[in-house]
N, C-alpha and C. Protein backbone atom coordinates (compact mmCIF):
# COMPACT_ATOMS: atom_id res chain seq x y z
N MET A 1 -28.70 -89.62 -77.49
CA MET A 1 -27.79 -88.75 -77.46
C MET A 1 -27.57 -88.03 -75.16
N SER A 2 -26.30 -88.55 -74.71
CA SER A 2 -25.84 -89.00 -73.07
C SER A 2 -25.41 -87.95 -72.21
N ASN A 3 -25.70 -87.98 -71.56
CA ASN A 3 -26.21 -86.44 -70.50
C ASN A 3 -24.71 -87.03 -69.87
N ASP A 4 -23.38 -87.82 -70.23
CA ASP A 4 -21.79 -88.17 -69.24
C ASP A 4 -21.28 -86.64 -68.88
N ILE A 5 -20.50 -87.17 -68.18
CA ILE A 5 -19.44 -86.52 -68.05
C ILE A 5 -18.70 -86.59 -69.32
N LEU A 6 -17.83 -85.82 -69.38
CA LEU A 6 -15.80 -87.16 -69.80
C LEU A 6 -15.03 -85.26 -69.34
N THR A 7 -14.86 -86.14 -68.61
CA THR A 7 -12.84 -85.48 -68.19
C THR A 7 -12.07 -85.30 -69.29
N LEU A 8 -11.04 -84.61 -69.32
CA LEU A 8 -9.99 -84.13 -69.84
C LEU A 8 -9.75 -84.95 -71.25
N LYS A 9 -8.51 -85.67 -70.54
CA LYS A 9 -8.59 -87.62 -70.88
C LYS A 9 -9.19 -87.70 -71.42
N GLU A 10 -10.23 -88.41 -71.12
CA GLU A 10 -11.03 -88.84 -72.05
C GLU A 10 -12.20 -87.93 -73.46
N VAL A 11 -12.26 -86.90 -74.03
CA VAL A 11 -12.36 -86.33 -74.18
C VAL A 11 -10.70 -86.27 -75.45
N ALA A 12 -9.34 -85.89 -73.90
CA ALA A 12 -8.71 -86.38 -75.57
C ALA A 12 -9.09 -87.73 -76.42
N GLU A 13 -8.79 -88.43 -76.10
CA GLU A 13 -9.39 -89.57 -76.37
C GLU A 13 -10.11 -90.45 -77.09
N TYR A 14 -11.01 -89.26 -76.63
CA TYR A 14 -12.36 -89.72 -78.32
C TYR A 14 -11.75 -89.10 -79.11
N LEU A 15 -11.46 -88.26 -79.15
CA LEU A 15 -11.62 -87.03 -80.50
C LEU A 15 -9.22 -87.15 -80.58
N LYS A 16 -8.90 -88.28 -80.24
CA LYS A 16 -7.83 -88.66 -80.48
C LYS A 16 -7.12 -87.67 -80.69
N LEU A 17 -6.96 -87.01 -79.98
CA LEU A 17 -5.68 -85.22 -79.77
C LEU A 17 -4.60 -85.98 -78.27
N ALA A 18 -4.07 -84.86 -78.18
CA ALA A 18 -3.08 -84.96 -77.39
C ALA A 18 -4.00 -83.43 -75.96
N GLU A 19 -2.83 -84.69 -74.21
CA GLU A 19 -4.36 -84.15 -73.43
C GLU A 19 -4.32 -82.42 -73.77
N LYS A 20 -3.18 -81.98 -74.24
CA LYS A 20 -2.46 -80.84 -74.43
C LYS A 20 -3.89 -80.19 -75.29
N THR A 21 -3.15 -80.58 -76.60
CA THR A 21 -4.24 -79.31 -76.95
C THR A 21 -5.75 -79.84 -77.05
N ALA A 22 -6.04 -80.69 -76.24
CA ALA A 22 -7.54 -80.61 -76.24
C ALA A 22 -7.46 -79.46 -74.77
N TYR A 23 -7.24 -79.76 -73.92
CA TYR A 23 -6.42 -78.28 -72.38
C TYR A 23 -6.65 -76.92 -73.55
N ARG A 24 -5.71 -77.08 -74.92
CA ARG A 24 -6.12 -75.50 -75.77
C ARG A 24 -6.61 -75.04 -75.56
N LEU A 25 -7.49 -75.80 -76.81
CA LEU A 25 -9.22 -75.87 -77.87
C LEU A 25 -10.00 -75.38 -76.10
N ALA A 26 -10.00 -75.91 -75.18
CA ALA A 26 -11.14 -75.91 -74.47
C ALA A 26 -11.10 -74.60 -74.06
N ALA A 27 -10.12 -74.20 -72.93
CA ALA A 27 -9.68 -72.95 -72.67
C ALA A 27 -9.74 -71.93 -73.54
N GLU A 28 -8.66 -71.88 -74.79
CA GLU A 28 -9.88 -70.96 -75.72
C GLU A 28 -10.77 -70.60 -76.59
N GLY A 29 -11.61 -71.34 -75.48
CA GLY A 29 -13.19 -71.53 -75.85
C GLY A 29 -14.03 -72.14 -77.32
N LYS A 30 -12.77 -73.12 -77.65
CA LYS A 30 -12.64 -73.69 -79.27
C LYS A 30 -13.89 -75.36 -79.16
N LEU A 31 -14.00 -75.63 -77.76
CA LEU A 31 -14.00 -77.05 -77.79
C LEU A 31 -14.78 -76.74 -76.38
N PRO A 32 -16.22 -77.20 -76.61
CA PRO A 32 -16.83 -76.68 -75.50
C PRO A 32 -16.69 -76.91 -73.91
N GLY A 33 -16.92 -76.69 -73.58
CA GLY A 33 -16.55 -77.34 -71.28
C GLY A 33 -16.95 -76.39 -70.24
N PHE A 34 -16.43 -76.89 -69.23
CA PHE A 34 -16.39 -75.70 -68.06
C PHE A 34 -15.34 -76.79 -66.59
N LYS A 35 -15.87 -75.79 -66.20
CA LYS A 35 -14.58 -76.07 -65.10
C LYS A 35 -14.71 -76.68 -63.87
N VAL A 36 -14.36 -77.26 -63.38
CA VAL A 36 -15.27 -77.76 -62.03
C VAL A 36 -13.67 -78.26 -61.05
N GLY A 37 -13.46 -77.25 -60.24
CA GLY A 37 -12.34 -76.94 -59.10
C GLY A 37 -11.17 -76.56 -60.07
N GLY A 38 -11.13 -75.99 -60.86
CA GLY A 38 -9.69 -76.03 -61.34
C GLY A 38 -10.14 -77.25 -62.54
N SER A 39 -10.53 -77.84 -62.29
CA SER A 39 -10.15 -79.38 -63.89
C SER A 39 -11.75 -79.51 -64.85
N TRP A 40 -11.08 -79.74 -66.03
CA TRP A 40 -11.72 -79.56 -67.07
C TRP A 40 -12.55 -79.99 -67.49
N ARG A 41 -14.16 -79.68 -67.45
CA ARG A 41 -15.21 -81.76 -67.42
C ARG A 41 -16.01 -80.80 -68.47
N PHE A 42 -16.31 -81.96 -69.74
CA PHE A 42 -17.51 -81.76 -70.47
C PHE A 42 -18.58 -83.16 -70.51
N LYS A 43 -19.61 -82.28 -71.12
CA LYS A 43 -20.56 -82.85 -71.70
C LYS A 43 -20.80 -83.85 -73.21
N GLU A 44 -20.46 -85.67 -72.82
CA GLU A 44 -20.73 -85.79 -74.30
C GLU A 44 -21.35 -85.80 -75.59
N SER A 45 -23.18 -85.35 -74.52
CA SER A 45 -23.38 -84.29 -75.92
C SER A 45 -23.05 -82.81 -76.79
N ASP A 46 -22.31 -82.26 -75.53
CA ASP A 46 -21.56 -80.97 -76.56
C ASP A 46 -20.98 -81.60 -76.57
N ILE A 47 -19.40 -82.80 -76.56
CA ILE A 47 -18.91 -82.67 -77.79
C ILE A 47 -19.61 -82.72 -78.52
N GLU A 48 -20.71 -84.05 -79.09
CA GLU A 48 -20.48 -84.86 -80.04
C GLU A 48 -21.99 -83.53 -81.18
N LYS A 49 -22.89 -82.80 -80.39
CA LYS A 49 -22.92 -81.68 -81.20
C LYS A 49 -21.60 -80.59 -81.85
N TRP A 50 -20.50 -80.66 -81.08
CA TRP A 50 -19.30 -80.01 -81.85
C TRP A 50 -19.13 -80.05 -82.68
N ILE A 51 -19.06 -82.11 -83.21
CA ILE A 51 -18.10 -82.27 -83.85
C ILE A 51 -18.69 -82.12 -85.06
N SER A 52 -20.75 -82.81 -85.10
CA SER A 52 -21.17 -82.13 -85.43
C SER A 52 -21.06 -80.61 -86.33
N ALA A 53 -20.90 -80.15 -86.05
CA ALA A 53 -20.54 -78.15 -86.89
C ALA A 53 -19.31 -78.42 -87.23
N GLN A 54 -18.40 -79.09 -86.57
CA GLN A 54 -17.16 -79.13 -87.61
C GLN A 54 -17.13 -79.93 -88.99
N ILE A 55 -17.46 -80.58 -88.60
CA ILE A 55 -17.87 -81.16 -89.82
C ILE A 55 -18.64 -80.95 -91.04
N THR A 56 -19.62 -79.33 -90.86
CA THR A 56 -21.06 -78.91 -91.12
C THR A 56 -19.19 -78.13 -91.81
N ASN A 57 -18.45 -76.75 -91.09
CA ASN A 57 -18.59 -76.04 -90.76
C ASN A 57 -17.24 -76.50 -91.95
N ASN A 58 -16.59 -77.27 -92.27
CA ASN A 58 -15.65 -77.59 -93.05
C ASN A 58 -15.96 -78.52 -94.56
N LYS A 59 -17.47 -78.27 -94.51
CA LYS A 59 -18.59 -79.00 -95.95
C LYS A 59 -17.60 -77.29 -97.23
N LYS A 60 -18.60 -76.50 -95.94
CA LYS A 60 -18.39 -74.92 -96.83
C LYS A 60 -17.54 -74.29 -97.31
């Protein structure tokens, strides 16, 4: 696992989403992130865990 911090743009690219969609998911609390000075930031390890949880939830 990594402790790298990603920007909204980087997370959107990583998840292959539009930045607007990534922003909406983060703002709604559906994507794990935090704000620093008004800008969203994401821990790569949290995003990896979120992806695993999404895969698990979709298999049910």
